C-alpha atoms as a PDB file:
ATOM      1  CA  MET A   1      29.003  14.154 -31.199  1.00  0.00           C
ATOM      2  CA  GLN A   2      26.706  11.919 -33.217  1.00  0.00           C
ATOM      3  CA  ASN A   3      25.683  12.853 -36.761  1.00  0.00           C
ATOM      4  CA  PHE A   4      22.044  12.446 -37.653  1.00  0.00           C
ATOM      5  CA  ASP A   5      21.087  11.130 -41.044  1.00  0.00           C
ATOM      6  CA  THR A   6      18.362  13.599 -42.007  1.00  0.00           C
ATOM      7  CA  LYS A   7      17.467  11.640 -45.125  1.00  0.00           C
ATOM      8  CA  GLN A   8      16.701   8.542 -43.071  1.00  0.00           C
ATOM      9  CA  LEU A   9      14.783  10.605 -40.505  1.00  0.00           C
ATOM     10  CA  THR A  10      12.753  12.244 -43.268  1.00  0.00           C
ATOM     11  CA  GLU A  11      11.974   8.867 -44.855  1.00  0.00           C
ATOM     12  CA  GLN A  12      10.883   7.448 -41.511  1.00  0.00           C
ATOM     13  CA  PHE A  13       8.685  10.468 -40.817  1.00  0.00           C
ATOM     14  CA  GLU A  14       7.180  10.168 -44.300  1.00  0.00           C
ATOM     15  CA  SER A  15       6.516   6.446 -44.000  1.00  0.00           C
ATOM     16  CA  MET A  16       5.185   6.541 -40.442  1.00  0.00           C
ATOM     17  CA  PHE A  17       3.144   9.753 -40.376  1.00  0.00           C
ATOM     18  CA  VAL A  18       2.781  11.764 -43.569  1.00  0.00           C
ATOM     19  CA  GLY A  19       2.272   8.869 -45.985  1.00  0.00           C
ATOM     20  CA  PRO A  20      -0.498   7.168 -43.972  1.00  0.00           C
ATOM     21  CA  ALA A  21      -2.207  10.507 -43.293  1.00  0.00           C
ATOM     22  CA  ARG A  22      -2.113  11.338 -46.997  1.00  0.00           C
ATOM     23  CA  ALA A  23      -3.478   7.897 -47.933  1.00  0.00           C
ATOM     24  CA  TYR A  24      -6.322   8.189 -45.420  1.00  0.00           C
ATOM     25  CA  ALA A  25      -7.141  11.719 -46.610  1.00  0.00           C
ATOM     26  CA  ALA A  26      -7.312  10.496 -50.218  1.00  0.00           C
ATOM     27  CA  LEU A  27      -9.557   7.596 -49.189  1.00  0.00           C
ATOM     28  CA  SER A  28     -11.824   9.947 -47.224  1.00  0.00           C
ATOM     29  CA  MET A  29     -12.016  12.379 -50.111  1.00  0.00           C
ATOM     30  CA  ASP A  30     -12.959   9.616 -52.567  1.00  0.00           C
ATOM     31  CA  TYR A  31     -15.653   8.362 -50.195  1.00  0.00           C
ATOM     32  CA  THR A  32     -17.036  11.862 -49.674  1.00  0.00           C
ATOM     33  CA  GLU A  33     -17.148  12.469 -53.422  1.00  0.00           C
ATOM     34  CA  LYS A  34     -18.985   9.178 -54.066  1.00  0.00           C
ATOM     35  CA  LEU A  35     -21.444   9.873 -51.258  1.00  0.00           C
ATOM     36  CA  ALA A  36     -22.105  13.430 -52.457  1.00  0.00           C
ATOM     37  CA  ASN A  37     -22.681  12.189 -56.018  1.00  0.00           C
ATOM     38  CA  ALA A  38     -25.091   9.532 -54.756  1.00  0.00           C
ATOM     39  CA  GLN A  39     -26.991  12.185 -52.793  1.00  0.00           C
ATOM     40  CA  LEU A  40     -27.094  14.539 -55.776  1.00  0.00           C
ATOM     41  CA  ASP A  41     -28.380  11.761 -58.047  1.00  0.00           C
ATOM     42  CA  ALA A  42     -31.069  10.834 -55.527  1.00  0.00           C
ATOM     43  CA  SER A  43     -32.051  14.456 -55.004  1.00  0.00           C
ATOM     44  CA  LYS A  44     -32.376  15.023 -58.746  1.00  0.00           C
ATOM     45  CA  ALA A  45     -34.474  11.881 -59.164  1.00  0.00           C
ATOM     46  CA  TYR A  46     -36.830  12.883 -56.326  1.00  0.00           C
ATOM     47  CA  THR A  47     -37.100  16.433 -57.631  1.00  0.00           C
ATOM     48  CA  ASP A  48     -37.846  15.207 -61.167  1.00  0.00           C
ATOM     49  CA  THR A  49     -40.525  12.874 -59.825  1.00  0.00           C
ATOM     50  CA  GLY A  50     -42.122  15.643 -57.782  1.00  0.00           C
ATOM     51  CA  MET A  51     -42.122  18.054 -60.710  1.00  0.00           C
ATOM     52  CA  ALA A  52     -43.624  15.415 -63.011  1.00  0.00           C
ATOM     53  CA  GLN A  53     -46.373  14.797 -60.461  1.00  0.00           C
ATOM     54  CA  LEU A  54     -47.130  18.506 -60.215  1.00  0.00           C
ATOM     55  CA  ARG A  55     -47.348  18.743 -64.016  1.00  0.00           C
ATOM     56  CA  SER A  56     -49.696  15.767 -64.086  1.00  0.00           C
ATOM     57  CA  LEU A  57     -51.866  17.367 -61.417  1.00  0.00           C
ATOM     58  CA  LEU A  58     -52.014  20.599 -63.404  1.00  0.00           C
ATOM     59  CA  ASN A  59     -53.369  18.628 -66.370  1.00  0.00           C
ATOM     60  CA  VAL A  60     -56.356  17.343 -64.381  1.00  0.00           C
ATOM     61  CA  LYS A  61     -59.449  18.870 -65.972  1.00  0.00           C
ATOM     62  CA  ASP A  62     -62.291  16.626 -64.844  1.00  0.00           C
ATOM     63  CA  ALA A  63     -63.262  13.722 -62.579  1.00  0.00           C
ATOM     64  CA  GLU A  64     -61.856  11.156 -65.003  1.00  0.00           C
ATOM     65  CA  GLY A  65     -58.535  12.997 -65.090  1.00  0.00           C
ATOM     66  CA  LEU A  66     -58.475  13.099 -61.302  1.00  0.00           C
ATOM     67  CA  ARG A  67     -59.200   9.376 -61.099  1.00  0.00           C
ATOM     68  CA  SER A  68     -56.422   8.663 -63.562  1.00  0.00           C
ATOM     69  CA  TYR A  69     -54.045  10.891 -61.622  1.00  0.00           C
ATOM     70  CA  MET A  70     -54.880   9.164 -58.332  1.00  0.00           C
ATOM     71  CA  GLU A  71     -54.336   5.723 -59.873  1.00  0.00           C
ATOM     72  CA  GLY A  72     -50.953   6.904 -61.110  1.00  0.00           C
ATOM     73  CA  GLN A  73     -50.042   7.869 -57.555  1.00  0.00           C
ATOM     74  CA  GLN A  74     -49.872   4.199 -56.588  1.00  0.00           C
ATOM     75  CA  LYS A  75     -47.227   3.555 -59.241  1.00  0.00           C
ATOM     76  CA  VAL A  76     -45.309   6.672 -58.211  1.00  0.00           C
ATOM     77  CA  ALA A  77     -45.384   5.597 -54.556  1.00  0.00           C
ATOM     78  CA  LYS A  78     -44.069   2.142 -55.496  1.00  0.00           C
ATOM     79  CA  ASP A  79     -41.359   3.635 -57.709  1.00  0.00           C
ATOM     80  CA  LEU A  80     -40.276   6.043 -54.942  1.00  0.00           C
ATOM     81  CA  THR A  81     -40.197   3.215 -52.393  1.00  0.00           C
ATOM     82  CA  ASP A  82     -37.999   1.151 -54.722  1.00  0.00           C
ATOM     83  CA  ARG A  83     -35.767   4.152 -55.341  1.00  0.00           C
ATOM     84  CA  LEU A  84     -35.419   4.855 -51.612  1.00  0.00           C
ATOM     85  CA  LYS A  85     -34.503   1.234 -50.980  1.00  0.00           C
ATOM     86  CA  GLY A  86     -31.904   1.303 -53.770  1.00  0.00           C
ATOM     87  CA  ASP A  87     -30.446   4.589 -52.529  1.00  0.00           C
ATOM     88  CA  ALA A  88     -30.164   3.262 -48.981  1.00  0.00           C
ATOM     89  CA  GLU A  89     -28.441   0.107 -50.232  1.00  0.00           C
ATOM     90  CA  LYS A  90     -26.021   2.227 -52.258  1.00  0.00           C
ATOM     91  CA  VAL A  91     -25.077   4.319 -49.215  1.00  0.00           C
ATOM     92  CA  VAL A  92     -24.624   1.210 -47.058  1.00  0.00           C
ATOM     93  CA  SER A  93     -22.421  -0.310 -49.762  1.00  0.00           C
ATOM     94  CA  LEU A  94     -20.314   2.856 -49.939  1.00  0.00           C
ATOM     95  CA  GLN A  95     -19.908   2.883 -46.153  1.00  0.00           C
ATOM     96  CA  GLN A  96     -18.926  -0.789 -46.034  1.00  0.00           C
ATOM     97  CA  ASP A  97     -16.391  -0.306 -48.813  1.00  0.00           C
ATOM     98  CA  PHE A  98     -14.918   2.711 -47.018  1.00  0.00           C
ATOM     99  CA  MET A  99     -14.644   0.803 -43.744  1.00  0.00           C
ATOM    100  CA  GLN A 100     -12.964  -2.178 -45.428  1.00  0.00           C
ATOM    101  CA  GLN A 101     -10.475   0.042 -47.222  1.00  0.00           C
ATOM    102  CA  SER A 102      -9.810   2.025 -44.019  1.00  0.00           C
ATOM    103  CA  GLN A 103      -9.189  -1.172 -42.105  1.00  0.00           C
ATOM    104  CA  LYS A 104      -6.810  -2.482 -44.771  1.00  0.00           C
ATOM    105  CA  LEU A 105      -4.995   0.857 -44.831  1.00  0.00           C
ATOM    106  CA  THR A 106      -4.641   0.780 -41.043  1.00  0.00           C
ATOM    107  CA  GLU A 107      -3.329  -2.782 -41.090  1.00  0.00           C
ATOM    108  CA  ASP A 108      -0.804  -1.919 -43.810  1.00  0.00           C
ATOM    109  CA  ASN A 109       0.341   1.159 -41.883  1.00  0.00           C
ATOM    110  CA  VAL A 110       0.772  -0.771 -38.633  1.00  0.00           C
ATOM    111  CA  LYS A 111       2.788  -3.422 -40.448  1.00  0.00           C
ATOM    112  CA  GLN A 112       4.961  -0.775 -42.115  1.00  0.00           C
ATOM    113  CA  ALA A 113       5.458   1.112 -38.837  1.00  0.00           C
ATOM    114  CA  THR A 114       6.476  -2.097 -37.106  1.00  0.00           C
ATOM    115  CA  GLU A 115       8.992  -2.851 -39.835  1.00  0.00           C
ATOM    116  CA  THR A 116      10.363   0.708 -39.701  1.00  0.00           C
ATOM    117  CA  ALA A 117      10.659   0.612 -35.919  1.00  0.00           C
ATOM    118  CA  THR A 118      12.432  -2.749 -36.096  1.00  0.00           C
ATOM    119  CA  LYS A 119      14.907  -1.395 -38.638  1.00  0.00           C
ATOM    120  CA  ALA A 120      15.523   1.728 -36.553  1.00  0.00           C
ATOM    121  CA  ALA A 121      16.168  -0.331 -33.436  1.00  0.00           C
ATOM    122  CA  LYS A 122      18.974  -2.276 -35.135  1.00  0.00           C
END
């Protein structure tokens, strides 16, 4: 009868399955948190802009006020366009970073699994 080394089996299981799964889960959680924060920041900025525009519209009392309000809309539209562009770039950057880190994690895990399998075969 052959004795099994449970400590070695546990270490192999940890290094080949549990460890990589835990690392990927942590990476995914960090990415999700960053993405959610970016979305919350964008949402707050858009809401603040909309509320400010409504307040400005409520202050229109005459034709001159309306003209001034309408001229201000051009600046608001430009600012929102710039903000949308910046927000999109931020999300793309987050996704690229996540993909690079995921790829590196996968490569490290494959290397480690290969080393573990080689050791176990000896």
